[in-house]
Amino acid sequence: MSKKTKAAPVEQVTPVEDTASTAATLEPVQLTLQDMSAIANVIDLASRRGAFHANEMSAVGNVYNKLNGFLQYVAATQAKEKADQASMDAAQETVDTE
């Protein structure tokens, strides 16, 4: 004689989202120029140490070149803005002394 076994009822669990914790975890991440410079340095160091395979070097190099170009552009723009501000300050001082 065989016993008939009943399958255990399947309980469906619906996950409840905690909106307060979700909002707290979705804060915008700020990426600074110093962070980007550190990333470029990590890529450079990793490539020197052989962390990338030969078939990956092209993609890594492209990302590095874009990042490095962006950092150089920002540095040049900031230097120009600083020089422009210095010349405006000097011109203002000349007008004030007259």
N, C-alpha and C. Protein backbone atom coordinates (compact mmCIF):
# COMPACT_ATOMS: atom_id res chain seq x y z
N MET A 1 0.81 -1.16 0.00
CA MET A 1 0.00 0.00 0.00
C MET A 1 0.87 1.24 0.00
N SER A 2 0.61 2.16 -0.91
CA SER A 2 1.43 3.36 -0.97
C SER A 2 0.72 4.52 -0.31
N LYS A 3 1.52 5.34 0.29
CA LYS A 3 0.96 6.52 0.95
C LYS A 3 0.90 7.67 -0.03
N LYS A 4 -0.16 8.38 0.01
CA LYS A 4 -0.26 9.59 -0.80
C LYS A 4 0.18 10.76 0.04
N THR A 5 1.13 11.51 -0.50
CA THR A 5 1.59 12.68 0.23
C THR A 5 1.07 13.93 -0.45
N LYS A 6 0.68 14.84 0.36
CA LYS A 6 0.21 16.11 -0.17
C LYS A 6 1.38 17.06 -0.28
N ALA A 7 1.41 17.77 -1.38
CA ALA A 7 2.47 18.77 -1.55
C ALA A 7 2.19 19.94 -0.62
N ALA A 8 3.25 20.46 -0.07
CA ALA A 8 3.10 21.61 0.83
C ALA A 8 2.61 22.80 0.03
N PRO A 9 1.69 23.55 0.60
CA PRO A 9 1.20 24.72 -0.13
C PRO A 9 2.32 25.73 -0.37
N VAL A 10 2.32 26.30 -1.56
CA VAL A 10 3.33 27.28 -1.92
C VAL A 10 2.87 28.65 -1.48
N GLU A 11 3.69 29.28 -0.71
CA GLU A 11 3.35 30.60 -0.20
C GLU A 11 4.08 31.64 -1.03
N GLN A 12 3.33 32.56 -1.57
CA GLN A 12 3.94 33.62 -2.35
C GLN A 12 4.22 34.81 -1.46
N VAL A 13 5.45 35.24 -1.51
CA VAL A 13 5.85 36.37 -0.70
C VAL A 13 6.09 37.55 -1.62
N THR A 14 5.43 38.64 -1.33
CA THR A 14 5.62 39.86 -2.11
C THR A 14 6.54 40.78 -1.33
N PRO A 15 7.67 41.11 -1.92
CA PRO A 15 8.60 41.99 -1.20
C PRO A 15 7.99 43.38 -1.01
N VAL A 16 8.18 43.89 0.17
CA VAL A 16 7.69 45.23 0.48
C VAL A 16 8.88 46.18 0.44
N GLU A 17 8.74 47.22 -0.37
CA GLU A 17 9.83 48.18 -0.48
C GLU A 17 9.69 49.23 0.59
N ASP A 18 10.78 49.48 1.25
CA ASP A 18 10.82 50.55 2.24
C ASP A 18 11.22 51.82 1.51
N THR A 19 10.26 52.70 1.30
CA THR A 19 10.52 53.90 0.50
C THR A 19 11.53 54.82 1.15
N ALA A 20 11.60 54.83 2.45
CA ALA A 20 12.57 55.69 3.13
C ALA A 20 13.99 55.22 2.87
N SER A 21 14.23 53.91 2.94
CA SER A 21 15.58 53.42 2.70
C SER A 21 15.92 53.46 1.21
N THR A 22 14.94 53.29 0.34
CA THR A 22 15.19 53.38 -1.09
C THR A 22 15.59 54.79 -1.47
N ALA A 23 14.91 55.77 -0.92
CA ALA A 23 15.25 57.16 -1.22
C ALA A 23 16.63 57.50 -0.70
N ALA A 24 16.99 56.95 0.43
CA ALA A 24 18.30 57.25 1.01
C ALA A 24 19.42 56.61 0.18
N THR A 25 19.18 55.46 -0.41
CA THR A 25 20.22 54.79 -1.17
C THR A 25 20.34 55.32 -2.59
N LEU A 26 19.37 56.10 -3.06
CA LEU A 26 19.40 56.61 -4.42
C LEU A 26 19.91 58.04 -4.50
N GLU A 27 20.66 58.47 -3.50
CA GLU A 27 21.22 59.81 -3.54
C GLU A 27 22.21 59.90 -4.70
N PRO A 28 22.27 61.05 -5.36
CA PRO A 28 23.20 61.19 -6.48
C PRO A 28 24.64 61.08 -6.00
N VAL A 29 25.42 60.38 -6.78
CA VAL A 29 26.83 60.21 -6.47
C VAL A 29 27.60 61.34 -7.13
N GLN A 30 28.45 61.95 -6.36
CA GLN A 30 29.25 63.04 -6.91
C GLN A 30 30.61 62.51 -7.30
N LEU A 31 30.99 62.79 -8.51
CA LEU A 31 32.28 62.38 -9.04
C LEU A 31 33.08 63.64 -9.30
N THR A 32 34.16 63.82 -8.56
CA THR A 32 34.95 65.03 -8.68
C THR A 32 36.07 64.85 -9.69
N LEU A 33 36.70 65.96 -10.03
CA LEU A 33 37.85 65.89 -10.93
C LEU A 33 38.99 65.10 -10.30
N GLN A 34 39.13 65.18 -8.99
CA GLN A 34 40.15 64.41 -8.30
C GLN A 34 39.85 62.92 -8.41
N ASP A 35 38.57 62.56 -8.33
CA ASP A 35 38.19 61.15 -8.50
C ASP A 35 38.55 60.67 -9.91
N MET A 36 38.24 61.49 -10.90
CA MET A 36 38.54 61.12 -12.29
C MET A 36 40.05 61.01 -12.51
N SER A 37 40.80 61.89 -11.89
CA SER A 37 42.26 61.81 -12.00
C SER A 37 42.78 60.54 -11.35
N ALA A 38 42.20 60.18 -10.22
CA ALA A 38 42.60 58.93 -9.56
C ALA A 38 42.26 57.72 -10.43
N ILE A 39 41.12 57.76 -11.10
CA ILE A 39 40.74 56.67 -12.00
C ILE A 39 41.75 56.54 -13.14
N ALA A 40 42.14 57.67 -13.71
CA ALA A 40 43.14 57.65 -14.79
C ALA A 40 44.45 57.06 -14.28
N ASN A 41 44.84 57.42 -13.06
CA ASN A 41 46.08 56.88 -12.49
C ASN A 41 45.98 55.37 -12.25
N VAL A 42 44.82 54.92 -11.82
CA VAL A 42 44.62 53.48 -11.60
C VAL A 42 44.70 52.72 -12.92
N ILE A 43 44.07 53.27 -13.96
CA ILE A 43 44.14 52.62 -15.28
C ILE A 43 45.57 52.55 -15.77
N ASP A 44 46.32 53.65 -15.61
CA ASP A 44 47.72 53.69 -16.05
C ASP A 44 48.55 52.66 -15.27
N LEU A 45 48.39 52.63 -13.97
CA LEU A 45 49.14 51.70 -13.14
C LEU A 45 48.79 50.25 -13.46
N ALA A 46 47.50 49.99 -13.63
CA ALA A 46 47.07 48.62 -13.92
C ALA A 46 47.61 48.15 -15.26
N SER A 47 47.64 49.05 -16.24
CA SER A 47 48.16 48.65 -17.55
C SER A 47 49.66 48.39 -17.49
N ARG A 48 50.38 49.17 -16.68
CA ARG A 48 51.83 48.93 -16.53
C ARG A 48 52.11 47.60 -15.86
N ARG A 49 51.22 47.21 -14.97
CA ARG A 49 51.43 45.96 -14.22
C ARG A 49 50.86 44.75 -14.95
N GLY A 50 50.32 44.95 -16.14
CA GLY A 50 49.83 43.83 -16.93
C GLY A 50 48.47 43.30 -16.50
N ALA A 51 47.64 44.16 -15.94
CA ALA A 51 46.33 43.71 -15.46
C ALA A 51 45.34 43.47 -16.58
N PHE A 52 45.63 43.94 -17.77
CA PHE A 52 44.71 43.81 -18.89
C PHE A 52 45.31 42.88 -19.93
N HIS A 53 44.44 42.08 -20.56
CA HIS A 53 44.89 41.22 -21.65
C HIS A 53 45.10 42.07 -22.90
N ALA A 54 45.83 41.54 -23.83
CA ALA A 54 46.14 42.28 -25.05
C ALA A 54 44.88 42.70 -25.80
N ASN A 55 43.89 41.84 -25.84
CA ASN A 55 42.67 42.17 -26.57
C ASN A 55 41.81 43.21 -25.85
N GLU A 56 42.13 43.52 -24.61
CA GLU A 56 41.41 44.53 -23.85
C GLU A 56 42.11 45.89 -23.89
N MET A 57 43.35 45.91 -24.29
CA MET A 57 44.15 47.14 -24.22
C MET A 57 43.57 48.26 -25.07
N SER A 58 43.01 47.96 -26.21
CA SER A 58 42.45 49.00 -27.07
C SER A 58 41.30 49.71 -26.38
N ALA A 59 40.38 48.95 -25.81
CA ALA A 59 39.23 49.54 -25.12
C ALA A 59 39.67 50.33 -23.90
N VAL A 60 40.59 49.77 -23.14
CA VAL A 60 41.09 50.46 -21.95
C VAL A 60 41.82 51.74 -22.35
N GLY A 61 42.60 51.66 -23.40
CA GLY A 61 43.32 52.84 -23.90
C GLY A 61 42.39 53.93 -24.37
N ASN A 62 41.31 53.54 -25.05
CA ASN A 62 40.33 54.54 -25.51
C ASN A 62 39.67 55.25 -24.34
N VAL A 63 39.29 54.50 -23.32
CA VAL A 63 38.67 55.10 -22.14
C VAL A 63 39.66 56.02 -21.44
N TYR A 64 40.89 55.55 -21.31
CA TYR A 64 41.93 56.37 -20.67
C TYR A 64 42.16 57.66 -21.45
N ASN A 65 42.25 57.55 -22.76
CA ASN A 65 42.49 58.75 -23.58
C ASN A 65 41.34 59.75 -23.47
N LYS A 66 40.10 59.27 -23.46
CA LYS A 66 38.95 60.16 -23.30
C LYS A 66 38.98 60.85 -21.94
N LEU A 67 39.23 60.07 -20.90
CA LEU A 67 39.28 60.61 -19.55
C LEU A 67 40.41 61.61 -19.39
N ASN A 68 41.57 61.26 -19.89
CA ASN A 68 42.73 62.14 -19.80
C ASN A 68 42.50 63.43 -20.61
N GLY A 69 41.91 63.31 -21.79
CA GLY A 69 41.60 64.48 -22.61
C GLY A 69 40.61 65.40 -21.90
N PHE A 70 39.61 64.82 -21.26
CA PHE A 70 38.63 65.61 -20.51
C PHE A 70 39.31 66.35 -19.37
N LEU A 71 40.17 65.65 -18.63
CA LEU A 71 40.87 66.27 -17.50
C LEU A 71 41.77 67.41 -17.98
N GLN A 72 42.44 67.23 -19.11
CA GLN A 72 43.30 68.29 -19.65
C GLN A 72 42.46 69.49 -20.10
N TYR A 73 41.32 69.22 -20.71
CA TYR A 73 40.42 70.30 -21.14
C TYR A 73 39.93 71.12 -19.94
N VAL A 74 39.52 70.42 -18.89
CA VAL A 74 39.03 71.11 -17.70
C VAL A 74 40.14 71.92 -17.05
N ALA A 75 41.33 71.35 -16.98
CA ALA A 75 42.46 72.08 -16.39
C ALA A 75 42.78 73.33 -17.19
N ALA A 76 42.76 73.24 -18.51
CA ALA A 76 43.03 74.40 -19.36
C ALA A 76 41.93 75.45 -19.21
N THR A 77 40.68 75.01 -19.14
CA THR A 77 39.55 75.92 -18.97
C THR A 77 39.64 76.64 -17.62
N GLN A 78 39.98 75.90 -16.58
CA GLN A 78 40.10 76.50 -15.26
C GLN A 78 41.27 77.50 -15.22
N ALA A 79 42.37 77.18 -15.87
CA ALA A 79 43.51 78.10 -15.91
C ALA A 79 43.14 79.37 -16.65
N LYS A 80 42.39 79.23 -17.76
CA LYS A 80 41.97 80.41 -18.52
C LYS A 80 41.03 81.27 -17.70
N GLU A 81 40.08 80.64 -17.02
CA GLU A 81 39.14 81.38 -16.18
C GLU A 81 39.87 82.11 -15.06
N LYS A 82 40.86 81.45 -14.47
CA LYS A 82 41.64 82.07 -13.40
C LYS A 82 42.43 83.26 -13.93
N ALA A 83 43.02 83.13 -15.12
CA ALA A 83 43.77 84.23 -15.73
C ALA A 83 42.83 85.38 -16.09
N ASP A 84 41.65 85.06 -16.62
CA ASP A 84 40.67 86.09 -16.95
C ASP A 84 40.22 86.83 -15.70
N GLN A 85 40.00 86.09 -14.63
CA GLN A 85 39.57 86.71 -13.37
C GLN A 85 40.68 87.61 -12.82
N ALA A 86 41.91 87.16 -12.92
CA ALA A 86 43.04 87.97 -12.43
C ALA A 86 43.16 89.25 -13.23
N SER A 87 42.97 89.18 -14.56
CA SER A 87 43.07 90.40 -15.37
C SER A 87 41.90 91.33 -15.09
N MET A 88 40.71 90.77 -14.82
CA MET A 88 39.57 91.60 -14.47
C MET A 88 39.78 92.27 -13.11
N ASP A 89 40.37 91.55 -12.17
CA ASP A 89 40.66 92.13 -10.86
C ASP A 89 41.70 93.24 -10.99
N ALA A 90 42.71 93.02 -11.82
CA ALA A 90 43.74 94.04 -12.03
C ALA A 90 43.14 95.28 -12.69
N ALA A 91 42.24 95.09 -13.65
CA ALA A 91 41.60 96.22 -14.30
C ALA A 91 40.70 96.96 -13.32
N GLN A 92 40.03 96.25 -12.46
CA GLN A 92 39.18 96.88 -11.45
C GLN A 92 40.01 97.69 -10.47
N GLU A 93 41.17 97.19 -10.08
CA GLU A 93 42.05 97.91 -9.17
C GLU A 93 42.56 99.19 -9.83
N THR A 94 42.85 99.13 -11.12
CA THR A 94 43.31 100.32 -11.85
C THR A 94 42.21 101.38 -11.87
N VAL A 95 40.98 100.98 -12.10
CA VAL A 95 39.86 101.91 -12.14
C VAL A 95 39.63 102.49 -10.74
N ASP A 96 39.79 101.68 -9.71
CA ASP A 96 39.57 102.15 -8.33
C ASP A 96 40.62 103.15 -7.90
N THR A 97 41.87 103.03 -8.37
CA THR A 97 42.95 103.93 -7.96
C THR A 97 42.91 105.25 -8.72
N GLU A 98 42.20 105.34 -9.80
CA GLU A 98 42.15 106.57 -10.59
C GLU A 98 41.22 107.56 -10.01
